[in-house]
């Protein structure tokens, strides 16, 4: 079960960093970060690939990834990881 206080602290810090940094890839193309919203497998796969590529270029990928794992977010691409890839323990975050 996610630790709500810890995940909220991580989220707050992520939002603070994002404000300081300015627009991040997920703000520029938010739809691709939710590939489950696409009906076709091809669009799902394309959106996933694009989102992961954008995450790889984002300077906040580590903080975003940590929040996604700790918060147990069950959808979307967060920190370059799918929901299945986030099914790891917070201790494995690099």
PDB file of N, CA and C in Angstrom:
ATOM      1  N   UNK A   1       0.843  -1.184   0.000  1.00  0.00           N
ATOM      2  CA  UNK A   1       0.000   0.000   0.000  1.00  0.00           C
ATOM      3  C   UNK A   1       0.885   1.243   0.000  1.00  0.00           C
ATOM      4  N   UNK A   2       0.589   2.204  -0.861  1.00  0.00           N
ATOM      5  CA  UNK A   2       1.423   3.400  -0.940  1.00  0.00           C
ATOM      6  C   UNK A   2       1.366   4.226   0.341  1.00  0.00           C
ATOM      7  N   UNK A   3       2.486   4.793   0.692  1.00  0.00           N
ATOM      8  CA  UNK A   3       2.569   5.706   1.820  1.00  0.00           C
ATOM      9  C   UNK A   3       2.112   7.066   1.321  1.00  0.00           C
ATOM     10  N   UNK A   4       0.926   7.491   1.722  1.00  0.00           N
ATOM     11  CA  UNK A   4       0.324   8.716   1.177  1.00  0.00           C
ATOM     12  C   UNK A   4       1.124   9.968   1.519  1.00  0.00           C
ATOM     13  N   UNK A   5       1.599  10.061   2.720  1.00  0.00           N
ATOM     14  CA  UNK A   5       2.359  11.256   3.108  1.00  0.00           C
ATOM     15  C   UNK A   5       3.645  11.360   2.288  1.00  0.00           C
ATOM     16  N   UNK A   6       4.346  10.234   2.179  1.00  0.00           N
ATOM     17  CA  UNK A   6       5.592  10.225   1.411  1.00  0.00           C
ATOM     18  C   UNK A   6       5.317  10.523  -0.067  1.00  0.00           C
ATOM     19  N   UNK A   7       4.284   9.912  -0.629  1.00  0.00           N
ATOM     20  CA  UNK A   7       3.989  10.156  -2.039  1.00  0.00           C
ATOM     21  C   UNK A   7       3.540  11.601  -2.247  1.00  0.00           C
ATOM     22  N   UNK A   8       2.818  12.184  -1.303  1.00  0.00           N
ATOM     23  CA  UNK A   8       2.410  13.589  -1.426  1.00  0.00           C
ATOM     24  C   UNK A   8       3.622  14.508  -1.359  1.00  0.00           C
ATOM     25  N   UNK A   9       4.560  14.191  -0.471  1.00  0.00           N
ATOM     26  CA  UNK A   9       5.790  14.983  -0.392  1.00  0.00           C
ATOM     27  C   UNK A   9       6.581  14.904  -1.703  1.00  0.00           C
ATOM     28  N   UNK A  10       6.666  13.716  -2.266  1.00  0.00           N
ATOM     29  CA  UNK A  10       7.365  13.544  -3.545  1.00  0.00           C
ATOM     30  C   UNK A  10       6.654  14.314  -4.653  1.00  0.00           C
ATOM     31  N   UNK A  11       5.335  14.251  -4.658  1.00  0.00           N
ATOM     32  CA  UNK A  11       4.562  14.964  -5.673  1.00  0.00           C
ATOM     33  C   UNK A  11       4.746  16.473  -5.534  1.00  0.00           C
ATOM     34  N   UNK A  12       4.666  16.967  -4.323  1.00  0.00           N
ATOM     35  CA  UNK A  12       4.844  18.398  -4.086  1.00  0.00           C
ATOM     36  C   UNK A  12       6.224  18.859  -4.558  1.00  0.00           C
ATOM     37  N   UNK A  13       7.242  18.081  -4.250  1.00  0.00           N
ATOM     38  CA  UNK A  13       8.601  18.413  -4.687  1.00  0.00           C
ATOM     39  C   UNK A  13       8.714  18.370  -6.211  1.00  0.00           C
ATOM     40  N   UNK A  14       8.110  17.373  -6.832  1.00  0.00           N
ATOM     41  CA  UNK A  14       8.120  17.266  -8.285  1.00  0.00           C
ATOM     42  C   UNK A  14       7.455  18.489  -8.914  1.00  0.00           C
ATOM     43  N   UNK A  15       6.317  18.904  -8.373  1.00  0.00           N
ATOM     44  CA  UNK A  15       5.615  20.066  -8.915  1.00  0.00           C
ATOM     45  C   UNK A  15       6.440  21.345  -8.717  1.00  0.00           C
ATOM     46  N   UNK A  16       7.127  21.448  -7.608  1.00  0.00           N
ATOM     47  CA  UNK A  16       8.004  22.595  -7.354  1.00  0.00           C
ATOM     48  C   UNK A  16       9.138  22.638  -8.379  1.00  0.00           C
ATOM     49  N   UNK A  17       9.760  21.503  -8.604  1.00  0.00           N
ATOM     50  CA  UNK A  17      10.836  21.426  -9.601  1.00  0.00           C
ATOM     51  C   UNK A  17      10.313  21.733 -10.995  1.00  0.00           C
ATOM     52  N   UNK A  18       9.128  21.237 -11.293  1.00  0.00           N
ATOM     53  CA  UNK A  18       8.540  21.468 -12.612  1.00  0.00           C
ATOM     54  C   UNK A  18       8.250  22.960 -12.812  1.00  0.00           C
ATOM     55  N   UNK A  19       7.747  23.627 -11.787  1.00  0.00           N
ATOM     56  CA  UNK A  19       7.513  25.073 -11.875  1.00  0.00           C
ATOM     57  C   UNK A  19       8.809  25.826 -12.107  1.00  0.00           C
ATOM     58  N   UNK A  20       9.854  25.409 -11.389  1.00  0.00           N
ATOM     59  CA  UNK A  20      11.158  26.063 -11.535  1.00  0.00           C
ATOM     60  C   UNK A  20      11.756  25.834 -12.922  1.00  0.00           C
ATOM     61  N   UNK A  21      11.577  24.644 -13.439  1.00  0.00           N
ATOM     62  CA  UNK A  21      12.143  24.274 -14.731  1.00  0.00           C
ATOM     63  C   UNK A  21      11.398  24.910 -15.901  1.00  0.00           C
ATOM     64  N   UNK A  22      10.117  24.996 -15.771  1.00  0.00           N
ATOM     65  CA  UNK A  22       9.292  25.461 -16.887  1.00  0.00           C
ATOM     66  C   UNK A  22       8.613  24.273 -17.526  1.00  0.00           C
ATOM     67  N   UNK A  23       8.140  24.443 -18.732  1.00  0.00           N
ATOM     68  CA  UNK A  23       7.360  23.405 -19.397  1.00  0.00           C
ATOM     69  C   UNK A  23       8.177  22.136 -19.617  1.00  0.00           C
ATOM     70  N   UNK A  24       7.598  21.016 -19.232  1.00  0.00           N
ATOM     71  CA  UNK A  24       8.227  19.707 -19.410  1.00  0.00           C
ATOM     72  C   UNK A  24       7.492  18.959 -20.539  1.00  0.00           C
ATOM     73  N   UNK A  25       8.095  17.900 -21.070  1.00  0.00           N
ATOM     74  CA  UNK A  25       7.471  17.178 -22.191  1.00  0.00           C
ATOM     75  C   UNK A  25       6.040  16.721 -21.907  1.00  0.00           C
ATOM     76  N   UNK A  26       5.756  16.317 -20.681  1.00  0.00           N
ATOM     77  CA  UNK A  26       4.414  15.823 -20.387  1.00  0.00           C
ATOM     78  C   UNK A  26       3.379  16.946 -20.430  1.00  0.00           C
ATOM     79  N   UNK A  27       3.813  18.171 -20.269  1.00  0.00           N
ATOM     80  CA  UNK A  27       2.894  19.302 -20.394  1.00  0.00           C
ATOM     81  C   UNK A  27       2.687  19.670 -21.864  1.00  0.00           C
ATOM     82  N   UNK A  28       3.685  19.392 -22.680  1.00  0.00           N
ATOM     83  CA  UNK A  28       3.610  19.728 -24.098  1.00  0.00           C
ATOM     84  C   UNK A  28       2.715  18.762 -24.865  1.00  0.00           C
ATOM     85  N   UNK A  29       2.804  17.481 -24.560  1.00  0.00           N
ATOM     86  CA  UNK A  29       2.030  16.434 -25.249  1.00  0.00           C
ATOM     87  C   UNK A  29       1.384  15.491 -24.232  1.00  0.00           C
ATOM     88  N   UNK A  30       0.475  15.979 -23.423  1.00  0.00           N
ATOM     89  CA  UNK A  30      -0.055  15.140 -22.334  1.00  0.00           C
ATOM     90  C   UNK A  30      -0.758  13.863 -22.788  1.00  0.00           C
ATOM     91  N   UNK A  31      -1.405  13.885 -23.942  1.00  0.00           N
ATOM     92  CA  UNK A  31      -2.173  12.716 -24.374  1.00  0.00           C
ATOM     93  C   UNK A  31      -1.329  11.462 -24.564  1.00  0.00           C
ATOM     94  N   UNK A  32      -0.096  11.610 -25.035  1.00  0.00           N
ATOM     95  CA  UNK A  32       0.710  10.410 -25.280  1.00  0.00           C
ATOM     96  C   UNK A  32       1.126   9.719 -23.990  1.00  0.00           C
ATOM     97  N   UNK A  33       1.034  10.407 -22.867  1.00  0.00           N
ATOM     98  CA  UNK A  33       1.423   9.811 -21.593  1.00  0.00           C
ATOM     99  C   UNK A  33       0.323   8.929 -21.000  1.00  0.00           C
ATOM    100  N   UNK A  34      -0.809   8.854 -21.697  1.00  0.00           N
ATOM    101  CA  UNK A  34      -1.915   7.989 -21.280  1.00  0.00           C
ATOM    102  C   UNK A  34      -2.308   7.095 -22.454  1.00  0.00           C
ATOM    103  N   UNK A  35      -1.420   6.174 -22.840  1.00  0.00           N
ATOM    104  CA  UNK A  35      -1.680   5.339 -24.020  1.00  0.00           C
ATOM    105  C   UNK A  35      -2.898   4.444 -23.875  1.00  0.00           C
ATOM    106  N   UNK A  36      -3.307   4.149 -22.659  1.00  0.00           N
ATOM    107  CA  UNK A  36      -4.485   3.296 -22.480  1.00  0.00           C
ATOM    108  C   UNK A  36      -5.756   3.972 -22.991  1.00  0.00           C
ATOM    109  N   UNK A  37      -5.695   5.278 -23.245  1.00  0.00           N
ATOM    110  CA  UNK A  37      -6.850   5.987 -23.793  1.00  0.00           C
ATOM    111  C   UNK A  37      -7.042   5.738 -25.293  1.00  0.00           C
ATOM    112  N   UNK A  38      -6.037   5.179 -25.948  1.00  0.00           N
ATOM    113  CA  UNK A  38      -6.135   4.899 -27.383  1.00  0.00           C
ATOM    114  C   UNK A  38      -6.777   3.536 -27.598  1.00  0.00           C
ATOM    115  N   UNK A  39      -7.614   3.465 -28.605  1.00  0.00           N
ATOM    116  CA  UNK A  39      -8.358   2.228 -28.846  1.00  0.00           C
ATOM    117  C   UNK A  39      -7.556   1.160 -29.568  1.00  0.00           C
ATOM    118  N   UNK A  40      -6.676   1.551 -30.470  1.00  0.00           N
ATOM    119  CA  UNK A  40      -5.952   0.537 -31.235  1.00  0.00           C
ATOM    120  C   UNK A  40      -4.617   0.193 -30.566  1.00  0.00           C
ATOM    121  N   UNK A  41      -4.223  -1.041 -30.745  1.00  0.00           N
ATOM    122  CA  UNK A  41      -2.949  -1.511 -30.196  1.00  0.00           C
ATOM    123  C   UNK A  41      -1.801  -0.720 -30.812  1.00  0.00           C
ATOM    124  N   UNK A  42      -1.908  -0.429 -32.102  1.00  0.00           N
ATOM    125  CA  UNK A  42      -0.857   0.327 -32.783  1.00  0.00           C
ATOM    126  C   UNK A  42      -0.696   1.723 -32.167  1.00  0.00           C
ATOM    127  N   UNK A  43      -1.805   2.404 -31.916  1.00  0.00           N
ATOM    128  CA  UNK A  43      -1.732   3.745 -31.309  1.00  0.00           C
ATOM    129  C   UNK A  43      -1.215   3.657 -29.870  1.00  0.00           C
ATOM    130  N   UNK A  44      -1.639   2.620 -29.146  1.00  0.00           N
ATOM    131  CA  UNK A  44      -1.153   2.402 -27.786  1.00  0.00           C
ATOM    132  C   UNK A  44       0.368   2.254 -27.796  1.00  0.00           C
ATOM    133  N   UNK A  45       0.865   1.404 -28.686  1.00  0.00           N
ATOM    134  CA  UNK A  45       2.302   1.165 -28.772  1.00  0.00           C
ATOM    135  C   UNK A  45       3.060   2.422 -29.184  1.00  0.00           C
ATOM    136  N   UNK A  46       2.526   3.168 -30.142  1.00  0.00           N
ATOM    137  CA  UNK A  46       3.175   4.389 -30.606  1.00  0.00           C
ATOM    138  C   UNK A  46       3.210   5.432 -29.486  1.00  0.00           C
ATOM    139  N   UNK A  47       2.089   5.629 -28.811  1.00  0.00           N
ATOM    140  CA  UNK A  47       2.038   6.596 -27.718  1.00  0.00           C
ATOM    141  C   UNK A  47       3.012   6.221 -26.608  1.00  0.00           C
ATOM    142  N   UNK A  48       3.083   4.942 -26.290  1.00  0.00           N
ATOM    143  CA  UNK A  48       4.005   4.480 -25.249  1.00  0.00           C
ATOM    144  C   UNK A  48       5.446   4.779 -25.641  1.00  0.00           C
ATOM    145  N   UNK A  49       5.795   4.489 -26.868  1.00  0.00           N
ATOM    146  CA  UNK A  49       7.153   4.740 -27.354  1.00  0.00           C
ATOM    147  C   UNK A  49       7.490   6.235 -27.338  1.00  0.00           C
ATOM    148  N   UNK A  50       6.562   7.049 -27.803  1.00  0.00           N
ATOM    149  CA  UNK A  50       6.791   8.502 -27.823  1.00  0.00           C
ATOM    150  C   UNK A  50       6.930   9.030 -26.398  1.00  0.00           C
ATOM    151  N   UNK A  51       6.039   8.633 -25.508  1.00  0.00           N
ATOM    152  CA  UNK A  51       6.091   9.107 -24.121  1.00  0.00           C
ATOM    153  C   UNK A  51       7.399   8.708 -23.447  1.00  0.00           C
ATOM    154  N   UNK A  52       7.821   7.473 -23.631  1.00  0.00           N
ATOM    155  CA  UNK A  52       9.084   7.021 -23.032  1.00  0.00           C
ATOM    156  C   UNK A  52      10.268   7.810 -23.581  1.00  0.00           C
ATOM    157  N   UNK A  53      10.235   8.119 -24.871  1.00  0.00           N
ATOM    158  CA  UNK A  53      11.300   8.919 -25.471  1.00  0.00           C
ATOM    159  C   UNK A  53      11.336  10.329 -24.904  1.00  0.00           C
ATOM    160  N   UNK A  54      10.165  10.923 -24.712  1.00  0.00           N
ATOM    161  CA  UNK A  54      10.097  12.260 -24.124  1.00  0.00           C
ATOM    162  C   UNK A  54      10.569  12.241 -22.673  1.00  0.00           C
ATOM    163  N   UNK A  55      10.186  11.227 -21.938  1.00  0.00           N
ATOM    164  CA  UNK A  55      10.644  11.101 -20.547  1.00  0.00           C
ATOM    165  C   UNK A  55      12.168  11.000 -20.484  1.00  0.00           C
ATOM    166  N   UNK A  56      12.735  10.263 -21.406  1.00  0.00           N
ATOM    167  CA  UNK A  56      14.194  10.069 -21.404  1.00  0.00           C
ATOM    168  C   UNK A  56      14.942  11.391 -21.556  1.00  0.00           C
ATOM    169  N   UNK A  57      14.298  12.377 -22.175  1.00  0.00           N
ATOM    170  CA  UNK A  57      14.924  13.682 -22.365  1.00  0.00           C
ATOM    171  C   UNK A  57      14.630  14.660 -21.231  1.00  0.00           C
ATOM    172  N   UNK A  58      13.759  14.298 -20.322  1.00  0.00           N
ATOM    173  CA  UNK A  58      13.316  15.210 -19.258  1.00  0.00           C
ATOM    174  C   UNK A  58      14.278  15.172 -18.070  1.00  0.00           C
ATOM    175  N   UNK A  59      14.690  16.333 -17.581  1.00  0.00           N
ATOM    176  CA  UNK A  59      15.594  16.359 -16.429  1.00  0.00           C
ATOM    177  C   UNK A  59      14.938  15.932 -15.115  1.00  0.00           C
ATOM    178  N   UNK A  60      13.625  15.775 -15.111  1.00  0.00           N
ATOM    179  CA  UNK A  60      12.924  15.371 -13.889  1.00  0.00           C
ATOM    180  C   UNK A  60      12.538  13.897 -13.881  1.00  0.00           C
ATOM    181  N   UNK A  61      13.109  13.126 -14.787  1.00  0.00           N
ATOM    182  CA  UNK A  61      12.713  11.716 -14.916  1.00  0.00           C
ATOM    183  C   UNK A  61      12.892  10.941 -13.605  1.00  0.00           C
ATOM    184  N   UNK A  62      13.947  11.177 -12.893  1.00  0.00           N
ATOM    185  CA  UNK A  62      14.198  10.426 -11.656  1.00  0.00           C
ATOM    186  C   UNK A  62      13.158  10.745 -10.597  1.00  0.00           C
ATOM    187  N   UNK A  63      12.867  12.027 -10.405  1.00  0.00           N
ATOM    188  CA  UNK A  63      11.882  12.436  -9.409  1.00  0.00           C
ATOM    189  C   UNK A  63      10.481  11.965  -9.794  1.00  0.00           C
ATOM    190  N   UNK A  64      10.176  12.045 -11.070  1.00  0.00           N
ATOM    191  CA  UNK A  64       8.878  11.615 -11.566  1.00  0.00           C
ATOM    192  C   UNK A  64       8.717  10.100 -11.395  1.00  0.00           C
ATOM    193  N   UNK A  65       9.744   9.382 -11.738  1.00  0.00           N
ATOM    194  CA  UNK A  65       9.735   7.919 -11.615  1.00  0.00           C
ATOM    195  C   UNK A  65       9.537   7.504 -10.159  1.00  0.00           C
ATOM    196  N   UNK A  66      10.254   8.150  -9.266  1.00  0.00           N
ATOM    197  CA  UNK A  66      10.134   7.819  -7.844  1.00  0.00           C
ATOM    198  C   UNK A  66       8.715   8.065  -7.351  1.00  0.00           C
ATOM    199  N   UNK A  67       8.147   9.202  -7.718  1.00  0.00           N
ATOM    200  CA  UNK A  67       6.778   9.494  -7.299  1.00  0.00           C
ATOM    201  C   UNK A  67       5.806   8.458  -7.864  1.00  0.00           C
ATOM    202  N   UNK A  68       5.923   8.119  -9.154  1.00  0.00           N
ATOM    203  CA  UNK A  68       5.027   7.149  -9.768  1.00  0.00           C
ATOM    204  C   UNK A  68       5.066   5.794  -9.092  1.00  0.00           C
ATOM    205  N   UNK A  69       6.246   5.387  -8.672  1.00  0.00           N
ATOM    206  CA  UNK A  69       6.399   4.093  -7.997  1.00  0.00           C
ATOM    207  C   UNK A  69       5.831   4.150  -6.583  1.00  0.00           C
ATOM    208  N   UNK A  70       6.243   5.151  -5.826  1.00  0.00           N
ATOM    209  CA  UNK A  70       5.811   5.255  -4.427  1.00  0.00           C
ATOM    210  C   UNK A  70       4.301   5.467  -4.327  1.00  0.00           C
ATOM    211  N   UNK A  71       3.746   6.280  -5.231  1.00  0.00           N
ATOM    212  CA  UNK A  71       2.312   6.561  -5.187  1.00  0.00           C
ATOM    213  C   UNK A  71       1.468   5.411  -5.725  1.00  0.00           C
ATOM    214  N   UNK A  72       2.098   4.487  -6.445  1.00  0.00           N
ATOM    215  CA  UNK A  72       1.357   3.346  -6.986  1.00  0.00           C
ATOM    216  C   UNK A  72       0.368   3.748  -8.072  1.00  0.00           C
ATOM    217  N   UNK A  73       0.741   4.704  -8.896  1.00  0.00           N
ATOM    218  CA  UNK A  73      -0.149   5.176  -9.954  1.00  0.00           C
ATOM    219  C   UNK A  73      -0.390   4.027 -10.951  1.00  0.00           C
ATOM    220  N   UNK A  74      -1.665   3.626 -11.143  1.00  0.00           N
ATOM    221  CA  UNK A  74      -1.965   2.443 -11.960  1.00  0.00           C
ATOM    222  C   UNK A  74      -2.176   2.688 -13.452  1.00  0.00           C
ATOM    223  N   UNK A  75      -1.854   3.869 -13.950  1.00  0.00           N
ATOM    224  CA  UNK A  75      -2.091   4.178 -15.354  1.00  0.00           C
ATOM    225  C   UNK A  75      -1.030   5.165 -15.840  1.00  0.00           C
ATOM    226  N   UNK A  76      -0.918   5.283 -17.151  1.00  0.00           N
ATOM    227  CA  UNK A  76      -0.035   6.267 -17.763  1.00  0.00           C
ATOM    228  C   UNK A  76       1.440   5.914 -17.739  1.00  0.00           C
ATOM    229  N   UNK A  77       2.189   6.706 -18.499  1.00  0.00           N
ATOM    230  CA  UNK A  77       3.649   6.606 -18.507  1.00  0.00           C
ATOM    231  C   UNK A  77       4.146   7.669 -17.538  1.00  0.00           C
ATOM    232  N   UNK A  78       4.835   7.258 -16.525  1.00  0.00           N
ATOM    233  CA  UNK A  78       5.342   8.176 -15.507  1.00  0.00           C
ATOM    234  C   UNK A  78       6.816   7.873 -15.295  1.00  0.00           C
ATOM    235  N   UNK A  79       7.631   8.888 -15.476  1.00  0.00           N
ATOM    236  CA  UNK A  79       9.068   8.693 -15.320  1.00  0.00           C
ATOM    237  C   UNK A  79       9.628   7.681 -16.304  1.00  0.00           C
ATOM    238  N   UNK A  80       8.998   7.569 -17.448  1.00  0.00           N
ATOM    239  CA  UNK A  80       9.470   6.639 -18.470  1.00  0.00           C
ATOM    240  C   UNK A  80       9.074   5.196 -18.241  1.00  0.00           C
ATOM    241  N   UNK A  81       8.205   4.954 -17.283  1.00  0.00           N
ATOM    242  CA  UNK A  81       7.799   3.581 -16.961  1.00  0.00           C
ATOM    243  C   UNK A  81       6.300   3.384 -17.161  1.00  0.00           C
ATOM    244  N   UNK A  82       5.935   2.214 -17.641  1.00  0.00           N
ATOM    245  CA  UNK A  82       4.533   1.824 -17.741  1.00  0.00           C
ATOM    246  C   UNK A  82       4.060   1.393 -16.351  1.00  0.00           C
ATOM    247  N   UNK A  83       2.748   1.231 -16.157  1.00  0.00           N
ATOM    248  CA  UNK A  83       2.268   0.744 -14.862  1.00  0.00           C
ATOM    249  C   UNK A  83       2.901  -0.600 -14.469  1.00  0.00           C
ATOM    250  N   UNK A  84       3.078  -1.483 -15.446  1.00  0.00           N
ATOM    251  CA  UNK A  84       3.685  -2.783 -15.152  1.00  0.00           C
ATOM    252  C   UNK A  84       5.151  -2.619 -14.729  1.00  0.00           C
ATOM    253  N   UNK A  85       5.851  -1.712 -15.359  1.00  0.00           N
ATOM    254  CA  UNK A  85       7.254  -1.487 -15.019  1.00  0.00           C
ATOM    255  C   UNK A  85       7.408  -0.811 -13.657  1.00  0.00           C
ATOM    256  N   UNK A  86       6.365  -0.116 -13.229  1.00  0.00           N
ATOM    257  CA  UNK A  86       6.418   0.532 -11.910  1.00  0.00           C
ATOM    258  C   UNK A  86       6.137  -0.428 -10.775  1.00  0.00           C
ATOM    259  N   UNK A  87       5.827  -1.660 -11.098  1.00  0.00           N
ATOM    260  CA  UNK A  87       5.550  -2.673 -10.073  1.00  0.00           C
ATOM    261  C   UNK A  87       6.846  -3.192  -9.463  1.00  0.00           C
ATOM    262  N   UNK A  88       7.668  -2.269  -9.045  1.00  0.00           N
ATOM    263  CA  UNK A  88       8.933  -2.590  -8.364  1.00  0.00           C
ATOM    264  C   UNK A  88       8.908  -1.848  -7.041  1.00  0.00           C
ATOM    265  N   UNK A  89       9.810  -2.152  -6.190  1.00  0.00           N
ATOM    266  CA  UNK A  89       9.830  -1.483  -4.899  1.00  0.00           C
ATOM    267  C   UNK A  89      10.597  -0.174  -4.977  1.00  0.00           C
ATOM    268  N   UNK A  90      10.232   0.799  -4.146  1.00  0.00           N
ATOM    269  CA  UNK A  90      10.947   2.084  -4.158  1.00  0.00           C
ATOM    270  C   UNK A  90      12.435   1.952  -3.933  1.00  0.00           C
ATOM    271  N   UNK A  91      12.872   0.904  -3.279  1.00  0.00           N
ATOM    272  CA  UNK A  91      14.289   0.719  -3.007  1.00  0.00           C
ATOM    273  C   UNK A  91      15.107   0.478  -4.282  1.00  0.00           C
ATOM    274  N   UNK A  92      14.427   0.090  -5.361  1.00  0.00           N
ATOM    275  CA  UNK A  92      15.159  -0.194  -6.601  1.00  0.00           C
ATOM    276  C   UNK A  92      15.339   1.035  -7.478  1.00  0.00           C
ATOM    277  N   UNK A  93      14.787   2.178  -7.046  1.00  0.00           N
ATOM    278  CA  UNK A  93      14.927   3.409  -7.832  1.00  0.00           C
ATOM    279  C   UNK A  93      16.376   3.830  -7.846  1.00  0.00           C
ATOM    280  N   UNK A  94      16.875   4.117  -9.023  1.00  0.00           N
ATOM    281  CA  UNK A  94      18.266   4.548  -9.160  1.00  0.00           C
ATOM    282  C   UNK A  94      18.361   6.049  -9.182  1.00  0.00           C
TER     283      UNK A  94
END
